[in-house]
Amino acid sequence: MSSQLAFVISTEVERSRIVLLMRTYYVYIMSNPRRTTLYVGVTNDLERRVMEHKTHSPKGFTDTYNCTDLVYFEETTSVEQAITREKQLKKWGRAKKDNLINQFNPSIRDLSTSSR
């Protein structure tokens, strides 16, 4: 293998590592339109995941309880931090989650709509 080719391959591998290290992860809260049910989740693609909730795919909790509105999210570059935060929020009571949502989104509107 030529040294130029080895450098190109090495550079591409390094770029791939950087992209992986710079990936963004989201912890988010979905609610039904009446704001009576909350769902806490984690994803690396918030737009795709919200669309899945809105289209009721896959079937499950958010489909059953019609949690189609994004009311809160936060981001991090660490998957470990995202998972830890998701677990933390899931342990919180409703009042504490409501307080977090109200601080971030006082009107408790669907943050995924184009009227941001």
PDB file of N, CA and C in Angstrom:
ATOM      1  N   MET A   1       0.852  -1.170   0.000  1.00  0.00           N
ATOM      2  CA  MET A   1       0.000   0.000   0.000  1.00  0.00           C
ATOM      3  C   MET A   1       0.896   1.229   0.000  1.00  0.00           C
ATOM      4  N   SER A   2       0.560   2.187  -0.836  1.00  0.00           N
ATOM      5  CA  SER A   2       1.369   3.400  -0.898  1.00  0.00           C
ATOM      6  C   SER A   2       1.137   4.244   0.348  1.00  0.00           C
ATOM      7  N   SER A   3       2.088   5.103   0.645  1.00  0.00           N
ATOM      8  CA  SER A   3       1.964   5.943   1.834  1.00  0.00           C
ATOM      9  C   SER A   3       0.826   6.958   1.675  1.00  0.00           C
ATOM     10  N   GLN A   4       0.581   7.386   0.427  1.00  0.00           N
ATOM     11  CA  GLN A   4      -0.539   8.317   0.188  1.00  0.00           C
ATOM     12  C   GLN A   4      -1.875   7.643   0.489  1.00  0.00           C
ATOM     13  N   LEU A   5      -2.034   6.419   0.012  1.00  0.00           N
ATOM     14  CA  LEU A   5      -3.267   5.677   0.241  1.00  0.00           C
ATOM     15  C   LEU A   5      -3.445   5.402   1.730  1.00  0.00           C
ATOM     16  N   ALA A   6      -2.371   5.036   2.398  1.00  0.00           N
ATOM     17  CA  ALA A   6      -2.437   4.783   3.842  1.00  0.00           C
ATOM     18  C   ALA A   6      -2.849   6.051   4.585  1.00  0.00           C
ATOM     19  N   PHE A   7      -2.354   7.203   4.160  1.00  0.00           N
ATOM     20  CA  PHE A   7      -2.720   8.470   4.784  1.00  0.00           C
ATOM     21  C   PHE A   7      -4.198   8.774   4.574  1.00  0.00           C
ATOM     22  N   VAL A   8      -4.698   8.562   3.369  1.00  0.00           N
ATOM     23  CA  VAL A   8      -6.110   8.814   3.054  1.00  0.00           C
ATOM     24  C   VAL A   8      -7.000   7.925   3.914  1.00  0.00           C
ATOM     25  N   ILE A   9      -6.661   6.648   3.995  1.00  0.00           N
ATOM     26  CA  ILE A   9      -7.456   5.715   4.812  1.00  0.00           C
ATOM     27  C   ILE A   9      -7.402   6.139   6.273  1.00  0.00           C
ATOM     28  N   SER A  10      -6.211   6.465   6.757  1.00  0.00           N
ATOM     29  CA  SER A  10      -6.048   6.888   8.139  1.00  0.00           C
ATOM     30  C   SER A  10      -6.865   8.147   8.418  1.00  0.00           C
ATOM     31  N   THR A  11      -6.844   9.082   7.488  1.00  0.00           N
ATOM     32  CA  THR A  11      -7.591  10.335   7.646  1.00  0.00           C
ATOM     33  C   THR A  11      -9.094  10.062   7.681  1.00  0.00           C
ATOM     34  N   GLU A  12      -9.586   9.192   6.822  1.00  0.00           N
ATOM     35  CA  GLU A  12     -11.010   8.852   6.804  1.00  0.00           C
ATOM     36  C   GLU A  12     -11.438   8.159   8.095  1.00  0.00           C
ATOM     37  N   VAL A  13     -10.598   7.272   8.594  1.00  0.00           N
ATOM     38  CA  VAL A  13     -10.902   6.596   9.862  1.00  0.00           C
ATOM     39  C   VAL A  13     -10.975   7.632  10.983  1.00  0.00           C
ATOM     40  N   GLU A  14     -10.044   8.556  10.994  1.00  0.00           N
ATOM     41  CA  GLU A  14     -10.036   9.602  12.026  1.00  0.00           C
ATOM     42  C   GLU A  14     -11.274  10.484  11.913  1.00  0.00           C
ATOM     43  N   ARG A  15     -11.680  10.833  10.709  1.00  0.00           N
ATOM     44  CA  ARG A  15     -12.907  11.624  10.516  1.00  0.00           C
ATOM     45  C   ARG A  15     -14.115  10.865  11.042  1.00  0.00           C
ATOM     46  N   SER A  16     -14.163   9.575  10.794  1.00  0.00           N
ATOM     47  CA  SER A  16     -15.271   8.752  11.287  1.00  0.00           C
ATOM     48  C   SER A  16     -15.307   8.761  12.807  1.00  0.00           C
ATOM     49  N   ARG A  17     -14.161   8.670  13.425  1.00  0.00           N
ATOM     50  CA  ARG A  17     -14.088   8.708  14.895  1.00  0.00           C
ATOM     51  C   ARG A  17     -14.575  10.049  15.416  1.00  0.00           C
ATOM     52  N   ILE A  18     -14.176  11.128  14.760  1.00  0.00           N
ATOM     53  CA  ILE A  18     -14.587  12.464  15.182  1.00  0.00           C
ATOM     54  C   ILE A  18     -16.099  12.611  15.052  1.00  0.00           C
ATOM     55  N   VAL A  19     -16.657  12.159  13.947  1.00  0.00           N
ATOM     56  CA  VAL A  19     -18.104  12.230  13.753  1.00  0.00           C
ATOM     57  C   VAL A  19     -18.818  11.449  14.846  1.00  0.00           C
ATOM     58  N   LEU A  20     -18.333  10.263  15.166  1.00  0.00           N
ATOM     59  CA  LEU A  20     -18.940   9.474  16.231  1.00  0.00           C
ATOM     60  C   LEU A  20     -18.830  10.186  17.570  1.00  0.00           C
ATOM     61  N   LEU A  21     -17.708  10.806  17.830  1.00  0.00           N
ATOM     62  CA  LEU A  21     -17.513  11.502  19.088  1.00  0.00           C
ATOM     63  C   LEU A  21     -18.371  12.756  19.174  1.00  0.00           C
ATOM     64  N   MET A  22     -18.723  13.353  18.052  1.00  0.00           N
ATOM     65  CA  MET A  22     -19.471  14.596  18.040  1.00  0.00           C
ATOM     66  C   MET A  22     -20.974  14.377  17.836  1.00  0.00           C
ATOM     67  N   ARG A  23     -21.439  13.175  17.857  1.00  0.00           N
ATOM     68  CA  ARG A  23     -22.842  12.883  17.654  1.00  0.00           C
ATOM     69  C   ARG A  23     -23.678  13.530  18.760  1.00  0.00           C
ATOM     70  N   THR A  24     -24.878  13.936  18.433  1.00  0.00           N
ATOM     71  CA  THR A  24     -25.763  14.563  19.402  1.00  0.00           C
ATOM     72  C   THR A  24     -26.845  13.578  19.816  1.00  0.00           C
ATOM     73  N   TYR A  25     -27.110  13.549  21.109  1.00  0.00           N
ATOM     74  CA  TYR A  25     -28.155  12.700  21.683  1.00  0.00           C
ATOM     75  C   TYR A  25     -29.163  13.592  22.394  1.00  0.00           C
ATOM     76  N   TYR A  26     -30.408  13.171  22.381  1.00  0.00           N
ATOM     77  CA  TYR A  26     -31.480  13.977  22.953  1.00  0.00           C
ATOM     78  C   TYR A  26     -32.251  13.184  23.999  1.00  0.00           C
ATOM     79  N   VAL A  27     -32.575  13.846  25.081  1.00  0.00           N
ATOM     80  CA  VAL A  27     -33.535  13.343  26.053  1.00  0.00           C
ATOM     81  C   VAL A  27     -34.757  14.228  25.834  1.00  0.00           C
ATOM     82  N   TYR A  28     -35.924  13.621  25.736  1.00  0.00           N
ATOM     83  CA  TYR A  28     -37.098  14.401  25.366  1.00  0.00           C
ATOM     84  C   TYR A  28     -38.326  13.925  26.128  1.00  0.00           C
ATOM     85  N   ILE A  29     -39.321  14.813  26.174  1.00  0.00           N
ATOM     86  CA  ILE A  29     -40.599  14.477  26.789  1.00  0.00           C
ATOM     87  C   ILE A  29     -41.703  14.750  25.780  1.00  0.00           C
ATOM     88  N   MET A  30     -42.522  13.742  25.570  1.00  0.00           N
ATOM     89  CA  MET A  30     -43.709  13.848  24.714  1.00  0.00           C
ATOM     90  C   MET A  30     -44.934  13.889  25.626  1.00  0.00           C
ATOM     91  N   SER A  31     -46.000  14.528  25.146  1.00  0.00           N
ATOM     92  CA  SER A  31     -47.251  14.575  25.897  1.00  0.00           C
ATOM     93  C   SER A  31     -48.416  14.394  24.934  1.00  0.00           C
ATOM     94  N   ASN A  32     -49.549  14.012  25.484  1.00  0.00           N
ATOM     95  CA  ASN A  32     -50.756  13.982  24.663  1.00  0.00           C
ATOM     96  C   ASN A  32     -51.312  15.402  24.581  1.00  0.00           C
ATOM     97  N   PRO A  33     -52.207  15.686  23.648  1.00  0.00           N
ATOM     98  CA  PRO A  33     -52.719  17.055  23.474  1.00  0.00           C
ATOM     99  C   PRO A  33     -53.389  17.636  24.725  1.00  0.00           C
ATOM    100  N   ARG A  34     -53.982  16.817  25.562  1.00  0.00           N
ATOM    101  CA  ARG A  34     -54.630  17.313  26.781  1.00  0.00           C
ATOM    102  C   ARG A  34     -53.647  17.487  27.929  1.00  0.00           C
ATOM    103  N   ARG A  35     -52.376  17.095  27.718  1.00  0.00           N
ATOM    104  CA  ARG A  35     -51.283  17.240  28.690  1.00  0.00           C
ATOM    105  C   ARG A  35     -51.517  16.424  29.959  1.00  0.00           C
ATOM    106  N   THR A  36     -52.197  15.287  29.819  1.00  0.00           N
ATOM    107  CA  THR A  36     -52.458  14.429  30.979  1.00  0.00           C
ATOM    108  C   THR A  36     -51.474  13.268  31.090  1.00  0.00           C
ATOM    109  N   THR A  37     -50.718  13.001  30.027  1.00  0.00           N
ATOM    110  CA  THR A  37     -49.766  11.891  30.021  1.00  0.00           C
ATOM    111  C   THR A  37     -48.432  12.371  29.482  1.00  0.00           C
ATOM    112  N   LEU A  38     -47.349  11.921  30.127  1.00  0.00           N
ATOM    113  CA  LEU A  38     -45.999  12.262  29.675  1.00  0.00           C
ATOM    114  C   LEU A  38     -45.220  10.991  29.364  1.00  0.00           C
ATOM    115  N   TYR A  39     -44.331  11.112  28.385  1.00  0.00           N
ATOM    116  CA  TYR A  39     -43.430  10.019  28.029  1.00  0.00           C
ATOM    117  C   TYR A  39     -42.031  10.593  27.933  1.00  0.00           C
ATOM    118  N   VAL A  40     -41.071   9.964  28.592  1.00  0.00           N
ATOM    119  CA  VAL A  40     -39.668  10.385  28.547  1.00  0.00           C
ATOM    120  C   VAL A  40     -38.904   9.394  27.684  1.00  0.00           C
ATOM    121  N   GLY A  41     -38.105   9.914  26.743  1.00  0.00           N
ATOM    122  CA  GLY A  41     -37.325   9.045  25.871  1.00  0.00           C
ATOM    123  C   GLY A  41     -35.958   9.611  25.567  1.00  0.00           C
ATOM    124  N   VAL A  42     -35.153   8.827  24.861  1.00  0.00           N
ATOM    125  CA  VAL A  42     -33.818   9.241  24.442  1.00  0.00           C
ATOM    126  C   VAL A  42     -33.626   8.787  22.998  1.00  0.00           C
ATOM    127  N   THR A  43     -32.923   9.593  22.207  1.00  0.00           N
ATOM    128  CA  THR A  43     -32.700   9.271  20.796  1.00  0.00           C
ATOM    129  C   THR A  43     -31.475  10.012  20.284  1.00  0.00           C
ATOM    130  N   ASN A  44     -30.967   9.555  19.151  1.00  0.00           N
ATOM    131  CA  ASN A  44     -29.884  10.292  18.492  1.00  0.00           C
ATOM    132  C   ASN A  44     -30.406  11.058  17.274  1.00  0.00           C
ATOM    133  N   ASP A  45     -31.703  10.996  17.029  1.00  0.00           N
ATOM    134  CA  ASP A  45     -32.322  11.714  15.909  1.00  0.00           C
ATOM    135  C   ASP A  45     -33.700  12.183  16.360  1.00  0.00           C
ATOM    136  N   LEU A  46     -33.752  13.361  16.938  1.00  0.00           N
ATOM    137  CA  LEU A  46     -34.990  13.857  17.539  1.00  0.00           C
ATOM    138  C   LEU A  46     -36.093  14.049  16.495  1.00  0.00           C
ATOM    139  N   GLU A  47     -35.755  14.598  15.355  1.00  0.00           N
ATOM    140  CA  GLU A  47     -36.768  14.835  14.319  1.00  0.00           C
ATOM    141  C   GLU A  47     -37.420  13.521  13.877  1.00  0.00           C
ATOM    142  N   ARG A  48     -36.612  12.503  13.621  1.00  0.00           N
ATOM    143  CA  ARG A  48     -37.149  11.198  13.209  1.00  0.00           C
ATOM    144  C   ARG A  48     -37.999  10.589  14.304  1.00  0.00           C
ATOM    145  N   ARG A  49     -37.498  10.650  15.542  1.00  0.00           N
ATOM    146  CA  ARG A  49     -38.208  10.005  16.654  1.00  0.00           C
ATOM    147  C   ARG A  49     -39.544  10.682  16.930  1.00  0.00           C
ATOM    148  N   VAL A  50     -39.581  12.004  16.877  1.00  0.00           N
ATOM    149  CA  VAL A  50     -40.841  12.724  17.081  1.00  0.00           C
ATOM    150  C   VAL A  50     -41.831  12.347  15.982  1.00  0.00           C
ATOM    151  N   MET A  51     -41.363  12.253  14.752  1.00  0.00           N
ATOM    152  CA  MET A  51     -42.251  11.863  13.647  1.00  0.00           C
ATOM    153  C   MET A  51     -42.802  10.458  13.878  1.00  0.00           C
ATOM    154  N   GLU A  52     -41.991   9.562  14.412  1.00  0.00           N
ATOM    155  CA  GLU A  52     -42.476   8.220  14.729  1.00  0.00           C
ATOM    156  C   GLU A  52     -43.600   8.290  15.766  1.00  0.00           C
ATOM    157  N   HIS A  53     -43.422   9.110  16.781  1.00  0.00           N
ATOM    158  CA  HIS A  53     -44.477   9.262  17.788  1.00  0.00           C
ATOM    159  C   HIS A  53     -45.743   9.855  17.159  1.00  0.00           C
ATOM    160  N   LYS A  54     -45.583  10.851  16.308  1.00  0.00           N
ATOM    161  CA  LYS A  54     -46.733  11.505  15.686  1.00  0.00           C
ATOM    162  C   LYS A  54     -47.504  10.570  14.747  1.00  0.00           C
ATOM    163  N   THR A  55     -46.785   9.635  14.141  1.00  0.00           N
ATOM    164  CA  THR A  55     -47.438   8.700  13.214  1.00  0.00           C
ATOM    165  C   THR A  55     -47.779   7.374  13.885  1.00  0.00           C
ATOM    166  N   HIS A  56     -47.609   7.316  15.205  1.00  0.00           N
ATOM    167  CA  HIS A  56     -47.952   6.130  16.004  1.00  0.00           C
ATOM    168  C   HIS A  56     -47.200   4.878  15.551  1.00  0.00           C
ATOM    169  N   SER A  57     -45.929   5.089  15.225  1.00  0.00           N
ATOM    170  CA  SER A  57     -45.097   3.979  14.788  1.00  0.00           C
ATOM    171  C   SER A  57     -43.788   4.016  15.560  1.00  0.00           C
ATOM    172  N   PRO A  58     -43.419   3.024  16.260  1.00  0.00           N
ATOM    173  CA  PRO A  58     -44.098   1.740  16.431  1.00  0.00           C
ATOM    174  C   PRO A  58     -45.222   1.843  17.469  1.00  0.00           C
ATOM    175  N   LYS A  59     -46.011   0.795  17.534  1.00  0.00           N
ATOM    176  CA  LYS A  59     -47.088   0.727  18.513  1.00  0.00           C
ATOM    177  C   LYS A  59     -46.475   0.585  19.905  1.00  0.00           C
ATOM    178  N   GLY A  60     -47.100   1.166  20.878  1.00  0.00           N
ATOM    179  CA  GLY A  60     -46.594   1.078  22.244  1.00  0.00           C
ATOM    180  C   GLY A  60     -47.228   2.137  23.116  1.00  0.00           C
ATOM    181  N   PHE A  61     -46.505   2.553  24.165  1.00  0.00           N
ATOM    182  CA  PHE A  61     -47.038   3.488  25.147  1.00  0.00           C
ATOM    183  C   PHE A  61     -47.500   4.792  24.504  1.00  0.00           C
ATOM    184  N   THR A  62     -46.635   5.418  23.706  1.00  0.00           N
ATOM    185  CA  THR A  62     -47.001   6.723  23.143  1.00  0.00           C
ATOM    186  C   THR A  62     -48.153   6.615  22.153  1.00  0.00           C
ATOM    187  N   ASP A  63     -48.264   5.491  21.496  1.00  0.00           N
ATOM    188  CA  ASP A  63     -49.401   5.255  20.603  1.00  0.00           C
ATOM    189  C   ASP A  63     -50.679   5.094  21.424  1.00  0.00           C
ATOM    190  N   THR A  64     -50.623   4.258  22.435  1.00  0.00           N
ATOM    191  CA  THR A  64     -51.792   3.987  23.286  1.00  0.00           C
ATOM    192  C   THR A  64     -52.310   5.262  23.947  1.00  0.00           C
ATOM    193  N   TYR A  65     -51.400   6.098  24.436  1.00  0.00           N
ATOM    194  CA  TYR A  65     -51.795   7.300  25.165  1.00  0.00           C
ATOM    195  C   TYR A  65     -51.719   8.569  24.317  1.00  0.00           C
ATOM    196  N   ASN A  66     -51.526   8.416  23.017  1.00  0.00           N
ATOM    197  CA  ASN A  66     -51.540   9.523  22.051  1.00  0.00           C
ATOM    198  C   ASN A  66     -50.539  10.626  22.398  1.00  0.00           C
ATOM    199  N   CYS A  67     -49.347  10.256  22.820  1.00  0.00           N
ATOM    200  CA  CYS A  67     -48.302  11.231  23.139  1.00  0.00           C
ATOM    201  C   CYS A  67     -47.619  11.665  21.844  1.00  0.00           C
ATOM    202  N   THR A  68     -48.151  12.716  21.249  1.00  0.00           N
ATOM    203  CA  THR A  68     -47.694  13.163  19.938  1.00  0.00           C
ATOM    204  C   THR A  68     -47.043  14.548  19.949  1.00  0.00           C
ATOM    205  N   ASP A  69     -47.036  15.211  21.103  1.00  0.00           N
ATOM    206  CA  ASP A  69     -46.508  16.574  21.184  1.00  0.00           C
ATOM    207  C   ASP A  69     -45.177  16.595  21.935  1.00  0.00           C
ATOM    208  N   LEU A  70     -44.177  17.170  21.312  1.00  0.00           N
ATOM    209  CA  LEU A  70     -42.871  17.348  21.945  1.00  0.00           C
ATOM    210  C   LEU A  70     -42.962  18.577  22.847  1.00  0.00           C
ATOM    211  N   VAL A  71     -42.825  18.391  24.157  1.00  0.00           N
ATOM    212  CA  VAL A  71     -42.960  19.517  25.082  1.00  0.00           C
ATOM    213  C   VAL A  71     -41.642  19.890  25.764  1.00  0.00           C
ATOM    214  N   TYR A  72     -40.623  19.032  25.631  1.00  0.00           N
ATOM    215  CA  TYR A  72     -39.337  19.307  26.266  1.00  0.00           C
ATOM    216  C   TYR A  72     -38.260  18.480  25.589  1.00  0.00           C
ATOM    217  N   PHE A  73     -37.057  19.053  25.489  1.00  0.00           N
ATOM    218  CA  PHE A  73     -35.899  18.260  25.069  1.00  0.00           C
ATOM    219  C   PHE A  73     -34.628  18.928  25.547  1.00  0.00           C
ATOM    220  N   GLU A  74     -33.606  18.137  25.677  1.00  0.00           N
ATOM    221  CA  GLU A  74     -32.264  18.637  25.952  1.00  0.00           C
ATOM    222  C   GLU A  74     -31.300  17.786  25.148  1.00  0.00           C
ATOM    223  N   GLU A  75     -30.126  18.322  24.893  1.00  0.00           N
ATOM    224  CA  GLU A  75     -29.165  17.582  24.077  1.00  0.00           C
ATOM    225  C   GLU A  75     -27.819  17.479  24.760  1.00  0.00           C
ATOM    226  N   THR A  76     -27.085  16.449  24.351  1.00  0.00           N
ATOM    227  CA  THR A  76     -25.742  16.206  24.852  1.00  0.00           C
ATOM    228  C   THR A  76     -24.966  15.461  23.772  1.00  0.00           C
ATOM    229  N   THR A  77     -23.659  15.461  23.882  1.00  0.00           N
ATOM    230  CA  THR A  77     -22.837  14.706  22.937  1.00  0.00           C
ATOM    231  C   THR A  77     -22.429  13.358  23.519  1.00  0.00           C
ATOM    232  N   SER A  78     -22.912  13.061  24.714  1.00  0.00           N
ATOM    233  CA  SER A  78     -22.558  11.809  25.373  1.00  0.00           C
ATOM    234  C   SER A  78     -23.775  10.897  25.478  1.00  0.00           C
ATOM    235  N   VAL A  79     -23.689   9.725  24.867  1.00  0.00           N
ATOM    236  CA  VAL A  79     -24.797   8.781  24.955  1.00  0.00           C
ATOM    237  C   VAL A  79     -24.994   8.329  26.398  1.00  0.00           C
ATOM    238  N   GLU A  80     -23.908   8.190  27.137  1.00  0.00           N
ATOM    239  CA  GLU A  80     -24.015   7.786  28.535  1.00  0.00           C
ATOM    240  C   GLU A  80     -24.767   8.825  29.352  1.00  0.00           C
ATOM    241  N   GLN A  81     -24.449  10.101  29.134  1.00  0.00           N
ATOM    242  CA  GLN A  81     -25.158  11.175  29.840  1.00  0.00           C
ATOM    243  C   GLN A  81     -26.629  11.199  29.461  1.00  0.00           C
ATOM    244  N   ALA A  82     -26.929  10.973  28.204  1.00  0.00           N
ATOM    245  CA  ALA A  82     -28.323  10.981  27.747  1.00  0.00           C
ATOM    246  C   ALA A  82     -29.114   9.867  28.423  1.00  0.00           C
ATOM    247  N   ILE A  83     -28.550   8.684  28.463  1.00  0.00           N
ATOM    248  CA  ILE A  83     -29.241   7.542  29.078  1.00  0.00           C
ATOM    249  C   ILE A  83     -29.402   7.757  30.588  1.00  0.00           C
ATOM    250  N   THR A  84     -28.368   8.273  31.224  1.00  0.00           N
ATOM    251  CA  THR A  84     -28.443   8.554  32.659  1.00  0.00           C
ATOM    252  C   THR A  84     -29.527   9.591  32.945  1.00  0.00           C
ATOM    253  N   ARG A  85     -29.573  10.635  32.134  1.00  0.00           N
ATOM    254  CA  ARG A  85     -30.581  11.692  32.324  1.00  0.00           C
ATOM    255  C   ARG A  85     -31.988  11.147  32.078  1.00  0.00           C
ATOM    256  N   GLU A  86     -32.155  10.329  31.057  1.00  0.00           N
ATOM    257  CA  GLU A  86     -33.463   9.728  30.789  1.00  0.00           C
ATOM    258  C   GLU A  86     -33.924   8.925  32.007  1.00  0.00           C
ATOM    259  N   LYS A  87     -33.050   8.117  32.549  1.00  0.00           N
ATOM    260  CA  LYS A  87     -33.396   7.314  33.735  1.00  0.00           C
ATOM    261  C   LYS A  87     -33.749   8.214  34.915  1.00  0.00           C
ATOM    262  N   GLN A  88     -32.996   9.300  35.073  1.00  0.00           N
ATOM    263  CA  GLN A  88     -33.266  10.243  36.156  1.00  0.00           C
ATOM    264  C   GLN A  88     -34.664  10.849  36.005  1.00  0.00           C
ATOM    265  N   LEU A  89     -34.981  11.330  34.811  1.00  0.00           N
ATOM    266  CA  LEU A  89     -36.291  11.952  34.580  1.00  0.00           C
ATOM    267  C   LEU A  89     -37.428  10.951  34.759  1.00  0.00           C
ATOM    268  N   LYS A  90     -37.210   9.720  34.343  1.00  0.00           N
ATOM    269  CA  LYS A  90     -38.250   8.700  34.488  1.00  0.00           C
ATOM    270  C   LYS A  90     -38.567   8.415  35.949  1.00  0.00           C
ATOM    271  N   LYS A  91     -37.606   8.625  36.836  1.00  0.00           N
ATOM    272  CA  LYS A  91     -37.827   8.399  38.266  1.00  0.00           C
ATOM    273  C   LYS A  91     -38.552   9.570  38.933  1.00  0.00           C
ATOM    274  N   TRP A  92     -38.527  10.731  38.297  1.00  0.00           N
ATOM    275  CA  TRP A  92     -39.159  11.911  38.878  1.00  0.00           C
ATOM    276  C   TRP A  92     -40.672  11.766  38.905  1.00  0.00           C
ATOM    277  N   GLY A  93     -41.290  12.428  39.875  1.00  0.00           N
ATOM    278  CA  GLY A  93     -42.745  12.497  39.938  1.00  0.00           C
ATOM    279  C   GLY A  93     -43.275  13.484  38.902  1.00  0.00           C
ATOM    280  N   ARG A  94     -44.569  13.465  38.723  1.00  0.00           N
ATOM    281  CA  ARG A  94     -45.205  14.319  37.713  1.00  0.00           C
ATOM    282  C   ARG A  94     -44.946  15.807  37.982  1.00  0.00           C
ATOM    283  N   ALA A  95     -45.050  16.243  39.224  1.00  0.00           N
ATOM    284  CA  ALA A  95     -44.876  17.668  39.543  1.00  0.00           C
ATOM    285  C   ALA A  95     -43.483  18.160  39.158  1.00  0.00           C
ATOM    286  N   LYS A  96     -42.485  17.358  39.418  1.00  0.00           N
ATOM    287  CA  LYS A  96     -41.107  17.749  39.096  1.00  0.00           C
ATOM    288  C   LYS A  96     -40.906  17.821  37.575  1.00  0.00           C
ATOM    289  N   LYS A  97     -41.493  16.870  36.844  1.00  0.00           N
ATOM    290  CA  LYS A  97     -41.422  16.910  35.375  1.00  0.00           C
ATOM    291  C   LYS A  97     -42.159  18.131  34.843  1.00  0.00           C
ATOM    292  N   ASP A  98     -43.339  18.410  35.398  1.00  0.00           N
ATOM    293  CA  ASP A  98     -44.105  19.588  34.965  1.00  0.00           C
ATOM    294  C   ASP A  98     -43.307  20.865  35.194  1.00  0.00           C
ATOM    295  N   ASN A  99     -42.624  20.965  36.321  1.00  0.00           N
ATOM    296  CA  ASN A  99     -41.808  22.139  36.614  1.00  0.00           C
ATOM    297  C   ASN A  99     -40.686  22.292  35.582  1.00  0.00           C
ATOM    298  N   LEU A 100     -40.023  21.196  35.250  1.00  0.00           N
ATOM    299  CA  LEU A 100     -38.960  21.226  34.236  1.00  0.00           C
ATOM    300  C   LEU A 100     -39.515  21.701  32.893  1.00  0.00           C
ATOM    301  N   ILE A 101     -40.644  21.132  32.498  1.00  0.00           N
ATOM    302  CA  ILE A 101     -41.272  21.512  31.225  1.00  0.00           C
ATOM    303  C   ILE A 101     -41.650  22.989  31.243  1.00  0.00           C
ATOM    304  N   ASN A 102     -42.260  23.458  32.329  1.00  0.00           N
ATOM    305  CA  ASN A 102     -42.695  24.858  32.424  1.00  0.00           C
ATOM    306  C   ASN A 102     -41.537  25.838  32.367  1.00  0.00           C
ATOM    307  N   GLN A 103     -40.388  25.474  32.926  1.00  0.00           N
ATOM    308  CA  GLN A 103     -39.211  26.345  32.855  1.00  0.00           C
ATOM    309  C   GLN A 103     -38.688  26.450  31.428  1.00  0.00           C
ATOM    310  N   PHE A 104     -38.760  25.358  30.696  1.00  0.00           N
ATOM    311  CA  PHE A 104     -38.227  25.288  29.337  1.00  0.00           C
ATOM    312  C   PHE A 104     -39.247  25.773  28.302  1.00  0.00           C
ATOM    313  N   ASN A 105     -40.499  25.491  28.554  1.00  0.00           N
ATOM    314  CA  ASN A 105     -41.570  25.706  27.578  1.00  0.00           C
ATOM    315  C   ASN A 105     -42.813  26.199  28.331  1.00  0.00           C
ATOM    316  N   PRO A 106     -42.819  27.468  28.790  1.00  0.00           N
ATOM    317  CA  PRO A 106     -43.892  27.972  29.656  1.00  0.00           C
ATOM    318  C   PRO A 106     -45.304  27.819  29.083  1.00  0.00           C
ATOM    319  N   SER A 107     -45.452  27.912  27.781  1.00  0.00           N
ATOM    320  CA  SER A 107     -46.793  27.771  27.186  1.00  0.00           C
ATOM    321  C   SER A 107     -47.148  26.303  26.928  1.00  0.00           C
ATOM    322  N   ILE A 108     -46.219  25.421  27.205  1.00  0.00           N
ATOM    323  CA  ILE A 108     -46.379  23.971  27.015  1.00  0.00           C
ATOM    324  C   ILE A 108     -46.939  23.659  25.628  1.00  0.00           C
ATOM    325  N   ARG A 109     -46.370  24.305  24.638  1.00  0.00           N
ATOM    326  CA  ARG A 109     -46.799  24.055  23.256  1.00  0.00           C
ATOM    327  C   ARG A 109     -45.987  22.937  22.642  1.00  0.00           C
ATOM    328  N   ASP A 110     -46.460  22.430  21.539  1.00  0.00           N
ATOM    329  CA  ASP A 110     -45.742  21.385  20.801  1.00  0.00           C
ATOM    330  C   ASP A 110     -44.539  22.035  20.126  1.00  0.00           C
ATOM    331  N   LEU A 111     -43.356  21.706  20.584  1.00  0.00           N
ATOM    332  CA  LEU A 111     -42.122  22.296  20.064  1.00  0.00           C
ATOM    333  C   LEU A 111     -41.755  21.773  18.669  1.00  0.00           C
ATOM    334  N   SER A 112     -42.432  20.751  18.223  1.00  0.00           N
ATOM    335  CA  SER A 112     -42.086  20.178  16.919  1.00  0.00           C
ATOM    336  C   SER A 112     -42.876  20.801  15.780  1.00  0.00           C
ATOM    337  N   THR A 113     -43.773  21.714  16.073  1.00  0.00           N
ATOM    338  CA  THR A 113     -44.544  22.346  15.005  1.00  0.00           C
ATOM    339  C   THR A 113     -43.755  23.470  14.372  1.00  0.00           C
ATOM    340  N   SER A 114     -44.130  23.847  13.198  1.00  0.00           N
ATOM    341  CA  SER A 114     -43.392  24.868  12.454  1.00  0.00           C
ATOM    342  C   SER A 114     -43.633  26.272  13.001  1.00  0.00           C
ATOM    343  N   SER A 115     -44.540  26.432  13.932  1.00  0.00           N
ATOM    344  CA  SER A 115     -44.840  27.780  14.465  1.00  0.00           C
ATOM    345  C   SER A 115     -43.937  28.145  15.632  1.00  0.00           C
ATOM    346  N   ARG A 116     -42.729  27.607  15.646  1.00  0.00           N
ATOM    347  CA  ARG A 116     -41.780  27.874  16.736  1.00  0.00           C
ATOM    348  C   ARG A 116     -41.479  29.305  16.796  1.00  0.00           C
TER     349      ARG A 116
END
